[in-house]
Every structure is written in C-alpha cells, then in structure tokens.
Amino acid sequence: RLFQLARLVEDQIPDLHNHFLRQEVNVAMFATQWFLSLYASSFGLYATSRFLDAFLNNGLETILQMAIALLKMNRKNLLQLEFGGILDYFRHLPKKYLTPASVGNLMEMLHSTKIPMRKLMRYSKEYDMKTLVESFEQQQIDKLQSQVYKLQDDNQQLTKRNKTLLQESEDLVRSKIQMRLDMDMLEHRMGRLAKQHRLLQADHEAMRDKLAYTLESQKMGIQRRMSSSVDSVPLSISEDTNDTTTSGITGRDSPV
C-alpha cells in the first residue's frame, strides 16, 4: 500500500512528489501509522467514523483515497516546508479535522479522488517486480558479500603467511650473513695460523741448521783432539823406552 501511495502521489500530485524527493521525505514516514490503524490512532472519533463508513462502502482503495485527499488539501502548506517542518506538520495534521465542517470537506475530497483499479493492479505488479528485483539483487549482494568475506579471510591468511615467509627469509639472510662473517673470521684465523706455521717452520729450520752446525763443529773438535792425542802417545812411549834402556846400561856399567 505504501508503494501504491507513493506512485499515486507521483501521478496525481507531481509537484508535491518532487518536493518530497528533494527533502528526502518518504511516504512511509507519515502514512504507516495511518494505514496500520485505519486512521483511528491519528484522527479524532468523528473523522475516523466517517472514514470507516466510506471504507466499508467502497473497499480497500478508500485507504489510499483518504491519504491522497489529505495530501491534496494540504499541498500548498507542505510545499513551503522543509524536512523537519513537513514531519512536524503531519504530526499536528489531525487537529485540523476535528469539526464536522472540516471533516465534511475532507470526505468530499476523498470521494472526488478517483483511483482506477487497473492502475492499482499495475502498481501492484510494479511492486512485485520491484520486490523480486530487490530480492534478486540482495541475494547477489549477499553472495558477493560472502565472497568478499572469504577473499578478505584468504587475504588475511596470505598476509599472515607472507609475514611468516618474510620473517623466515630475513632469518635466512641474517644466518647467511653470520655464516659469511664466521667464514671470514675462520679464513682470517687460518691465515694467521698459516703465517705462524711458516714462522715456526723457518725457526725450526734455522734451529736445525744451527744444531747441525754445532754438531759438526763439535765433531770436528773431537776429531782434532783425538788426532792430537794419537800424535802425542808414541812420543811418550819412546821417551819411556829410552829412559829404561839408559838405566839398564848404566846399571851394568856401574860397580856392584
């Protein structure tokens, strides 16, 4: 019914329809309570009783005729108001229809308002099509939203995995750098050890040469001493022999 009312306002009161669009006023903001209570909760007893008489005589379209009649009678005032003023105007609207005269004028406008049944049927089909399209669009939106949520979840998982891989990559890079530093340090140490080894080897060779030279010198000294000893031994023996011979000859020649 609200959709049909909006379409009727668009067809029968186009300037008010455009004004409502500019002020972002929807008919549901003021007509919902009218339709739910058949105007009983908004209007006085006399106006409600007159409306119910017409409703029982003419049927459901009387609900829409009453709303169009109210809008037509208050059109000029509504066109001068903005959003807040329009809603406030509808809240105080029932006070304008408390006297039999004002209610009579409203009923005259209601009966003069013609709403062809074929037009209501067309509005009903438009509403069904609109509802079907909106339902299909909502299903597509829900489906797309579900896909978006899934993609967001996948993206979060991939982002988390990417962070993990990035951390692992950084750890590997740091490990590789540390290994390179360790290798450089080992190579440096090996170079120092090789240098120390060469120095030790040179010292060893020098000591070996010195020792060989010392041994050779000692050997030659021993040989010289031995040669000197051998040369001196026969001379002593010869001197001893001569002394003995001399002593014997002297003994024989000397008197007893």
C-alpha atoms as a PDB file:
ATOM      1  CA  ARG A   1       0.000   0.000   0.000  1.00  0.00           C
ATOM      2  CA  LEU A   2       2.813   2.422   0.757  1.00  0.00           C
ATOM      3  CA  PHE A   3       4.327   1.757  -2.684  1.00  0.00           C
ATOM      4  CA  GLN A   4       0.942   2.343  -4.308  1.00  0.00           C
ATOM      5  CA  LEU A   5       0.545   5.590  -2.351  1.00  0.00           C
ATOM      6  CA  ALA A   6       3.971   6.800  -3.468  1.00  0.00           C
ATOM      7  CA  ARG A   7       3.076   6.050  -7.100  1.00  0.00           C
ATOM      8  CA  LEU A   8      -0.284   7.784  -6.775  1.00  0.00           C
ATOM      9  CA  VAL A   9       1.389  10.886  -5.336  1.00  0.00           C
ATOM     10  CA  GLU A  10       3.840  10.804  -8.255  1.00  0.00           C
ATOM     11  CA  ASP A  11       0.977  10.566 -10.787  1.00  0.00           C
ATOM     12  CA  GLN A  12      -1.644  12.858  -9.211  1.00  0.00           C
ATOM     13  CA  ILE A  13       0.436  15.389  -7.225  1.00  0.00           C
ATOM     14  CA  PRO A  14       3.784  15.514  -9.104  1.00  0.00           C
ATOM     15  CA  ASP A  15       4.970  18.836  -7.632  1.00  0.00           C
ATOM     16  CA  LEU A  16       4.497  17.508  -4.086  1.00  0.00           C
ATOM     17  CA  HIS A  17       6.198  14.247  -5.085  1.00  0.00           C
ATOM     18  CA  ASN A  18       9.241  16.168  -6.365  1.00  0.00           C
ATOM     19  CA  HIS A  19       9.284  18.298  -3.218  1.00  0.00           C
ATOM     20  CA  PHE A  20       9.282  15.169  -1.061  1.00  0.00           C
ATOM     21  CA  LEU A  21      12.189  13.807  -3.116  1.00  0.00           C
ATOM     22  CA  ARG A  22      14.197  16.999  -2.645  1.00  0.00           C
ATOM     23  CA  GLN A  23      13.553  16.989   1.096  1.00  0.00           C
ATOM     24  CA  GLU A  24      14.180  13.207   1.299  1.00  0.00           C
ATOM     25  CA  VAL A  25      10.717  12.569   2.737  1.00  0.00           C
ATOM     26  CA  ASN A  26       9.269   9.100   2.227  1.00  0.00           C
ATOM     27  CA  VAL A  27       5.520   8.472   2.455  1.00  0.00           C
ATOM     28  CA  ALA A  28       6.234   5.716   4.981  1.00  0.00           C
ATOM     29  CA  MET A  29       7.332   8.414   7.448  1.00  0.00           C
ATOM     30  CA  PHE A  30       3.780   9.699   7.866  1.00  0.00           C
ATOM     31  CA  ALA A  31       1.413   7.183   6.247  1.00  0.00           C
ATOM     32  CA  THR A  32       2.462   3.970   8.004  1.00  0.00           C
ATOM     33  CA  GLN A  33       0.517   4.805  11.172  1.00  0.00           C
ATOM     34  CA  TRP A  34      -2.486   5.845   9.100  1.00  0.00           C
ATOM     35  CA  PHE A  35      -2.653   2.533   7.277  1.00  0.00           C
ATOM     36  CA  LEU A  36      -1.945   0.283  10.279  1.00  0.00           C
ATOM     37  CA  SER A  37      -4.746   1.791  12.383  1.00  0.00           C
ATOM     38  CA  LEU A  38      -7.090   2.792   9.537  1.00  0.00           C
ATOM     39  CA  TYR A  39      -6.531   6.396  10.678  1.00  0.00           C
ATOM     40  CA  ALA A  40      -8.070   5.670  14.098  1.00  0.00           C
ATOM     41  CA  SER A  41      -4.886   6.332  16.121  1.00  0.00           C
ATOM     42  CA  SER A  42      -4.197   9.650  14.400  1.00  0.00           C
ATOM     43  CA  PHE A  43      -7.569  11.316  13.802  1.00  0.00           C
ATOM     44  CA  GLY A  44     -10.486  12.116  16.057  1.00  0.00           C
ATOM     45  CA  LEU A  45     -13.518   9.923  16.577  1.00  0.00           C
ATOM     46  CA  TYR A  46     -15.787  11.783  14.153  1.00  0.00           C
ATOM     47  CA  ALA A  47     -13.264  11.777  11.320  1.00  0.00           C
ATOM     48  CA  THR A  48     -12.470   8.117  11.923  1.00  0.00           C
ATOM     49  CA  SER A  49     -16.158   7.097  11.925  1.00  0.00           C
ATOM     50  CA  ARG A  50     -16.758   8.941   8.625  1.00  0.00           C
ATOM     51  CA  PHE A  51     -13.714   7.257   7.097  1.00  0.00           C
ATOM     52  CA  LEU A  52     -14.814   3.810   8.255  1.00  0.00           C
ATOM     53  CA  ASP A  53     -18.253   4.339   6.665  1.00  0.00           C
ATOM     54  CA  ALA A  54     -16.597   5.087   3.361  1.00  0.00           C
ATOM     55  CA  PHE A  55     -14.157   2.209   3.824  1.00  0.00           C
ATOM     56  CA  LEU A  56     -16.971  -0.298   4.387  1.00  0.00           C
ATOM     57  CA  ASN A  57     -18.859   1.005   1.362  1.00  0.00           C
ATOM     58  CA  ASN A  58     -16.009   1.321  -1.135  1.00  0.00           C
ATOM     59  CA  GLY A  59     -13.338  -1.159  -0.020  1.00  0.00           C
ATOM     60  CA  LEU A  60      -9.579  -1.070   0.419  1.00  0.00           C
ATOM     61  CA  GLU A  61      -8.913   1.664  -2.114  1.00  0.00           C
ATOM     62  CA  THR A  62     -10.566   4.062   0.342  1.00  0.00           C
ATOM     63  CA  ILE A  63      -7.379   3.889   2.442  1.00  0.00           C
ATOM     64  CA  LEU A  64      -5.414   5.336  -0.486  1.00  0.00           C
ATOM     65  CA  GLN A  65      -8.176   7.842  -1.381  1.00  0.00           C
ATOM     66  CA  MET A  66      -8.073   9.225   2.180  1.00  0.00           C
ATOM     67  CA  ALA A  67      -4.269   9.704   2.044  1.00  0.00           C
ATOM     68  CA  ILE A  68      -4.416  11.401  -1.391  1.00  0.00           C
ATOM     69  CA  ALA A  69      -7.259  13.650  -0.214  1.00  0.00           C
ATOM     70  CA  LEU A  70      -5.245  14.750   2.834  1.00  0.00           C
ATOM     71  CA  LEU A  71      -2.178  15.490   0.705  1.00  0.00           C
ATOM     72  CA  LYS A  72      -4.170  17.446  -1.894  1.00  0.00           C
ATOM     73  CA  MET A  73      -5.896  19.580   0.742  1.00  0.00           C
ATOM     74  CA  ASN A  74      -2.566  20.394   2.477  1.00  0.00           C
ATOM     75  CA  ARG A  75      -0.404  20.565  -0.650  1.00  0.00           C
ATOM     76  CA  LYS A  76       0.291  24.313  -0.590  1.00  0.00           C
ATOM     77  CA  ASN A  77       1.389  24.280   3.059  1.00  0.00           C
ATOM     78  CA  LEU A  78       3.623  21.233   2.571  1.00  0.00           C
ATOM     79  CA  LEU A  79       5.373  22.767  -0.459  1.00  0.00           C
ATOM     80  CA  GLN A  80       6.556  25.645   1.735  1.00  0.00           C
ATOM     81  CA  LEU A  81       8.165  23.409   4.375  1.00  0.00           C
ATOM     82  CA  GLU A  82      11.459  21.563   4.627  1.00  0.00           C
ATOM     83  CA  PHE A  83      12.184  18.090   6.050  1.00  0.00           C
ATOM     84  CA  GLY A  84      11.657  18.788   9.764  1.00  0.00           C
ATOM     85  CA  GLY A  85       8.713  21.091   9.183  1.00  0.00           C
ATOM     86  CA  ILE A  86       6.992  18.519   6.954  1.00  0.00           C
ATOM     87  CA  LEU A  87       7.168  15.791   9.593  1.00  0.00           C
ATOM     88  CA  ASP A  88       6.019  18.195  12.304  1.00  0.00           C
ATOM     89  CA  TYR A  89       3.116  19.294  10.079  1.00  0.00           C
ATOM     90  CA  PHE A  90       1.914  15.689   9.713  1.00  0.00           C
ATOM     91  CA  ARG A  91       2.064  15.200  13.485  1.00  0.00           C
ATOM     92  CA  HIS A  92      -0.361  18.108  14.006  1.00  0.00           C
ATOM     93  CA  LEU A  93      -2.446  17.444  10.888  1.00  0.00           C
ATOM     94  CA  PRO A  94      -5.306  15.571  12.675  1.00  0.00           C
ATOM     95  CA  LYS A  95      -6.104  18.712  14.708  1.00  0.00           C
ATOM     96  CA  LYS A  96      -7.324  20.380  11.501  1.00  0.00           C
ATOM     97  CA  TYR A  97     -10.108  17.810  11.179  1.00  0.00           C
ATOM     98  CA  LEU A  98     -11.960  17.938  14.463  1.00  0.00           C
ATOM     99  CA  THR A  99     -15.099  19.775  13.319  1.00  0.00           C
ATOM    100  CA  PRO A 100     -17.892  18.322  11.165  1.00  0.00           C
ATOM    101  CA  ALA A 101     -17.263  21.009   8.551  1.00  0.00           C
ATOM    102  CA  SER A 102     -13.581  20.239   8.131  1.00  0.00           C
ATOM    103  CA  VAL A 103     -14.296  16.503   8.112  1.00  0.00           C
ATOM    104  CA  GLY A 104     -17.067  17.077   5.531  1.00  0.00           C
ATOM    105  CA  ASN A 105     -14.648  18.888   3.240  1.00  0.00           C
ATOM    106  CA  LEU A 106     -12.178  16.017   3.646  1.00  0.00           C
ATOM    107  CA  MET A 107     -14.851  13.441   2.742  1.00  0.00           C
ATOM    108  CA  GLU A 108     -15.813  15.448  -0.344  1.00  0.00           C
ATOM    109  CA  MET A 109     -12.175  15.457  -1.461  1.00  0.00           C
ATOM    110  CA  LEU A 110     -11.972  11.699  -0.727  1.00  0.00           C
ATOM    111  CA  HIS A 111     -14.985  10.880  -2.908  1.00  0.00           C
ATOM    112  CA  SER A 112     -13.750  13.151  -5.696  1.00  0.00           C
ATOM    113  CA  THR A 113     -10.407  11.358  -5.773  1.00  0.00           C
ATOM    114  CA  LYS A 114     -10.599   8.627  -8.392  1.00  0.00           C
ATOM    115  CA  ILE A 115      -8.195   5.725  -8.312  1.00  0.00           C
ATOM    116  CA  PRO A 116      -8.741   3.294 -11.219  1.00  0.00           C
ATOM    117  CA  MET A 117      -8.461  -0.319 -10.212  1.00  0.00           C
ATOM    118  CA  ARG A 118      -6.336  -1.132 -13.241  1.00  0.00           C
ATOM    119  CA  LYS A 119      -3.828   1.463 -12.056  1.00  0.00           C
ATOM    120  CA  LEU A 120      -3.675  -0.142  -8.615  1.00  0.00           C
ATOM    121  CA  MET A 121      -3.175  -3.527 -10.255  1.00  0.00           C
ATOM    122  CA  ARG A 122      -0.345  -2.062 -12.347  1.00  0.00           C
ATOM    123  CA  TYR A 123       1.203  -0.573  -9.217  1.00  0.00           C
ATOM    124  CA  SER A 124       0.872  -3.950  -7.523  1.00  0.00           C
ATOM    125  CA  LYS A 125       2.690  -5.657 -10.413  1.00  0.00           C
ATOM    126  CA  GLU A 126       5.381  -2.974 -10.308  1.00  0.00           C
ATOM    127  CA  TYR A 127       5.776  -3.580  -6.593  1.00  0.00           C
ATOM    128  CA  ASP A 128       6.010  -7.343  -7.101  1.00  0.00           C
ATOM    129  CA  MET A 129       8.607  -6.853  -9.841  1.00  0.00           C
ATOM    130  CA  LYS A 130      10.467  -4.315  -7.719  1.00  0.00           C
ATOM    131  CA  THR A 131      10.412  -6.717  -4.760  1.00  0.00           C
ATOM    132  CA  LEU A 132      11.597  -9.569  -6.971  1.00  0.00           C
ATOM    133  CA  VAL A 133      14.422  -7.466  -8.416  1.00  0.00           C
ATOM    134  CA  GLU A 134      15.424  -6.209  -4.974  1.00  0.00           C
ATOM    135  CA  SER A 135      15.313  -9.769  -3.635  1.00  0.00           C
ATOM    136  CA  PHE A 136      17.494 -10.982  -6.512  1.00  0.00           C
ATOM    137  CA  GLU A 137      19.850  -8.034  -6.076  1.00  0.00           C
ATOM    138  CA  GLN A 138      20.006  -8.687  -2.343  1.00  0.00           C
ATOM    139  CA  GLN A 139      20.824 -12.329  -2.995  1.00  0.00           C
ATOM    140  CA  GLN A 140      23.575 -11.249  -5.373  1.00  0.00           C
ATOM    141  CA  ILE A 141      24.801  -8.717  -2.830  1.00  0.00           C
ATOM    142  CA  ASP A 142      24.781 -11.357  -0.091  1.00  0.00           C
ATOM    143  CA  LYS A 143      26.619 -13.757  -2.393  1.00  0.00           C
ATOM    144  CA  LEU A 144      29.168 -11.113  -3.322  1.00  0.00           C
ATOM    145  CA  GLN A 145      29.483 -10.096   0.309  1.00  0.00           C
ATOM    146  CA  SER A 146      30.128 -13.707   1.249  1.00  0.00           C
ATOM    147  CA  GLN A 147      32.779 -13.899  -1.464  1.00  0.00           C
ATOM    148  CA  VAL A 148      34.265 -10.637  -0.228  1.00  0.00           C
ATOM    149  CA  TYR A 149      34.414 -12.004   3.323  1.00  0.00           C
ATOM    150  CA  LYS A 150      36.048 -15.175   2.027  1.00  0.00           C
ATOM    151  CA  LEU A 151      38.527 -13.182  -0.049  1.00  0.00           C
ATOM    152  CA  GLN A 152      39.266 -10.964   2.948  1.00  0.00           C
ATOM    153  CA  ASP A 153      39.824 -14.043   5.088  1.00  0.00           C
ATOM    154  CA  ASP A 154      42.050 -15.577   2.395  1.00  0.00           C
ATOM    155  CA  ASN A 155      43.881 -12.285   2.089  1.00  0.00           C
ATOM    156  CA  GLN A 156      44.437 -12.199   5.851  1.00  0.00           C
ATOM    157  CA  GLN A 157      45.747 -15.755   5.748  1.00  0.00           C
ATOM    158  CA  LEU A 158      48.013 -14.918   2.805  1.00  0.00           C
ATOM    159  CA  THR A 159      49.185 -11.752   4.540  1.00  0.00           C
ATOM    160  CA  LYS A 160      49.946 -13.746   7.667  1.00  0.00           C
ATOM    161  CA  ARG A 161      51.734 -16.411   5.615  1.00  0.00           C
ATOM    162  CA  ASN A 162      53.629 -13.710   3.727  1.00  0.00           C
ATOM    163  CA  LYS A 163      54.751 -12.166   7.007  1.00  0.00           C
ATOM    164  CA  THR A 164      55.901 -15.597   8.183  1.00  0.00           C
ATOM    165  CA  LEU A 165      57.800 -16.216   4.935  1.00  0.00           C
ATOM    166  CA  LEU A 166      59.272 -12.732   5.101  1.00  0.00           C
ATOM    167  CA  GLN A 167      60.426 -13.355   8.663  1.00  0.00           C
ATOM    168  CA  GLU A 168      61.902 -16.703   7.646  1.00  0.00           C
ATOM    169  CA  SER A 169      63.608 -15.024   4.665  1.00  0.00           C
ATOM    170  CA  GLU A 170      65.046 -12.343   6.932  1.00  0.00           C
ATOM    171  CA  ASP A 171      66.245 -15.031   9.336  1.00  0.00           C
ATOM    172  CA  LEU A 172      67.901 -16.887   6.450  1.00  0.00           C
ATOM    173  CA  VAL A 173      69.568 -13.706   5.241  1.00  0.00           C
ATOM    174  CA  ARG A 174      70.827 -12.946   8.738  1.00  0.00           C
ATOM    175  CA  SER A 175      72.019 -16.547   9.079  1.00  0.00           C
ATOM    176  CA  LYS A 176      73.806 -16.345   5.719  1.00  0.00           C
ATOM    177  CA  ILE A 177      75.437 -13.061   6.699  1.00  0.00           C
ATOM    178  CA  GLN A 178      76.519 -14.559  10.027  1.00  0.00           C
ATOM    179  CA  MET A 179      77.913 -17.614   8.246  1.00  0.00           C
ATOM    180  CA  ARG A 180      79.845 -15.322   5.869  1.00  0.00           C
ATOM    181  CA  LEU A 181      81.217 -13.406   8.827  1.00  0.00           C
ATOM    182  CA  ASP A 182      82.161 -16.645  10.558  1.00  0.00           C
ATOM    183  CA  MET A 183      83.851 -17.911   7.399  1.00  0.00           C
ATOM    184  CA  ASP A 184      85.733 -14.630   7.021  1.00  0.00           C
ATOM    185  CA  MET A 185      86.833 -14.887  10.642  1.00  0.00           C
ATOM    186  CA  LEU A 186      87.929 -18.505  10.141  1.00  0.00           C
ATOM    187  CA  GLU A 187      89.802 -17.583   6.988  1.00  0.00           C
ATOM    188  CA  HIS A 188      91.494 -14.768   8.879  1.00  0.00           C
ATOM    189  CA  ARG A 189      92.428 -17.145  11.680  1.00  0.00           C
ATOM    190  CA  MET A 190      93.665 -19.740   9.192  1.00  0.00           C
ATOM    191  CA  GLY A 191      95.805 -17.062   7.531  1.00  0.00           C
ATOM    192  CA  ARG A 192      97.275 -16.114  10.895  1.00  0.00           C
ATOM    193  CA  LEU A 193      97.883 -19.764  11.747  1.00  0.00           C
ATOM    194  CA  ALA A 194      99.481 -20.369   8.340  1.00  0.00           C
ATOM    195  CA  LYS A 195     101.755 -17.372   8.894  1.00  0.00           C
ATOM    196  CA  GLN A 196     102.632 -18.617  12.385  1.00  0.00           C
ATOM    197  CA  HIS A 197     103.255 -22.076  10.911  1.00  0.00           C
ATOM    198  CA  ARG A 198     105.637 -20.624   8.323  1.00  0.00           C
ATOM    199  CA  LEU A 199     107.462 -18.667  11.031  1.00  0.00           C
ATOM    200  CA  LEU A 200     107.716 -21.747  13.214  1.00  0.00           C
ATOM    201  CA  GLN A 201     108.902 -23.784  10.268  1.00  0.00           C
ATOM    202  CA  ALA A 202     111.522 -21.152   9.480  1.00  0.00           C
ATOM    203  CA  ASP A 203     112.613 -21.110  13.146  1.00  0.00           C
ATOM    204  CA  HIS A 204     112.694 -24.904  13.117  1.00  0.00           C
ATOM    205  CA  GLU A 205     114.866 -24.945  10.006  1.00  0.00           C
ATOM    206  CA  ALA A 206     117.134 -22.273  11.496  1.00  0.00           C
ATOM    207  CA  MET A 207     117.457 -24.229  14.730  1.00  0.00           C
ATOM    208  CA  ARG A 208     118.084 -27.417  12.780  1.00  0.00           C
ATOM    209  CA  ASP A 209     120.799 -25.735  10.729  1.00  0.00           C
ATOM    210  CA  LYS A 210     122.298 -24.237  13.881  1.00  0.00           C
ATOM    211  CA  LEU A 211     122.169 -27.596  15.627  1.00  0.00           C
ATOM    212  CA  ALA A 212     123.734 -29.313  12.622  1.00  0.00           C
ATOM    213  CA  TYR A 213     126.434 -26.664  12.523  1.00  0.00           C
ATOM    214  CA  THR A 214     127.033 -27.078  16.275  1.00  0.00           C
ATOM    215  CA  LEU A 215     127.189 -30.850  15.993  1.00  0.00           C
ATOM    216  CA  GLU A 216     129.522 -30.598  13.045  1.00  0.00           C
ATOM    217  CA  SER A 217     131.727 -28.152  14.944  1.00  0.00           C
ATOM    218  CA  GLN A 218     131.759 -30.423  17.973  1.00  0.00           C
ATOM    219  CA  LYS A 219     132.556 -33.422  15.800  1.00  0.00           C
ATOM    220  CA  MET A 220     135.429 -31.643  14.165  1.00  0.00           C
ATOM    221  CA  GLY A 221     136.719 -30.514  17.580  1.00  0.00           C
ATOM    222  CA  ILE A 222     136.582 -34.056  18.890  1.00  0.00           C
ATOM    223  CA  GLN A 223     138.380 -35.320  15.818  1.00  0.00           C
ATOM    224  CA  ARG A 224     141.080 -32.708  16.250  1.00  0.00           C
ATOM    225  CA  ARG A 225     141.525 -33.588  19.905  1.00  0.00           C
ATOM    226  CA  MET A 226     141.667 -37.283  19.082  1.00  0.00           C
ATOM    227  CA  SER A 227     144.236 -36.606  16.380  1.00  0.00           C
ATOM    228  CA  SER A 228     146.284 -34.599  18.843  1.00  0.00           C
ATOM    229  CA  SER A 229     146.098 -37.381  21.428  1.00  0.00           C
ATOM    230  CA  VAL A 230     147.206 -40.038  18.949  1.00  0.00           C
ATOM    231  CA  ASP A 231     150.159 -37.979  17.852  1.00  0.00           C
ATOM    232  CA  SER A 232     151.365 -37.417  21.429  1.00  0.00           C
ATOM    233  CA  VAL A 233     151.141 -41.033  22.654  1.00  0.00           C
ATOM    234  CA  PRO A 234     154.144 -42.633  20.680  1.00  0.00           C
ATOM    235  CA  LEU A 235     156.451 -39.839  21.702  1.00  0.00           C
ATOM    236  CA  SER A 236     155.846 -40.581  25.363  1.00  0.00           C
ATOM    237  CA  ILE A 237     156.333 -44.265  24.883  1.00  0.00           C
ATOM    238  CA  SER A 238     159.593 -43.673  23.038  1.00  0.00           C
ATOM    239  CA  GLU A 239     160.872 -41.428  25.772  1.00  0.00           C
ATOM    240  CA  ASP A 240     159.979 -44.040  28.387  1.00  0.00           C
ATOM    241  CA  THR A 241     161.849 -46.753  26.447  1.00  0.00           C
ATOM    242  CA  ASN A 242     164.939 -44.638  26.118  1.00  0.00           C
ATOM    243  CA  ASP A 243     164.944 -43.914  29.810  1.00  0.00           C
ATOM    244  CA  THR A 244     164.678 -47.602  30.627  1.00  0.00           C
ATOM    245  CA  THR A 245     167.472 -48.584  28.283  1.00  0.00           C
ATOM    246  CA  THR A 246     169.703 -45.928  29.632  1.00  0.00           C
ATOM    247  CA  SER A 247     169.044 -47.040  33.157  1.00  0.00           C
ATOM    248  CA  GLY A 248     169.933 -50.639  32.280  1.00  0.00           C
ATOM    249  CA  ILE A 249     173.146 -49.765  30.628  1.00  0.00           C
ATOM    250  CA  THR A 250     174.099 -47.587  33.438  1.00  0.00           C
ATOM    251  CA  GLY A 251     173.455 -50.405  35.883  1.00  0.00           C
ATOM    252  CA  ARG A 252     175.603 -52.799  34.068  1.00  0.00           C
ATOM    253  CA  ASP A 253     178.454 -50.439  33.865  1.00  0.00           C
ATOM    254  CA  SER A 254     178.353 -49.298  37.447  1.00  0.00           C
ATOM    255  CA  PRO A 255     180.234 -51.262  40.159  1.00  0.00           C
ATOM    256  CA  VAL A 256     178.321 -53.702  42.356  1.00  0.00           C
END
